[in-house]
């Protein structure tokens, strides 16, 4: 087992982040009793076009910050925040890249979805629903 030396590293590992993606900060919101993790993508890197997967030059970031539900952290809901890069593809024009931590179009991380599927198999629908009371986000 490899040691974790800080929370940023712990989040990067739990989300499965690799270069050029990085966690810039993580915060606990005392009011909402939730954890918020902020991710940025390196500005000088190339990213795959979401249509053809060809590596393309970064154009800018998407306009609005997107939020994904992640697995709980010490029983507190956790949310991933990111403005994903947009790329300029010669064939498809300017497109927002896919987030490597989620399925295309999903508002949940892969780790959260895996946990939700496991919970759904092991409990009733009502018990699973109650476990995810705080799932709805903007």
Foldseek 3Di string as FASTA:
>chain_A
DDDDDDDQSVVCVQLVDDPPKGWPDKDQDPVQRAIEIEMEGDQQAWFAAQPPGDTFHWDAFADDKAKAWEDGDVLHTYIYIYGATWGQDPVPGTGGGDDPQPDPPHRYGPRVVVVLVVVVVVDPPVVSCVSPVPRDDD
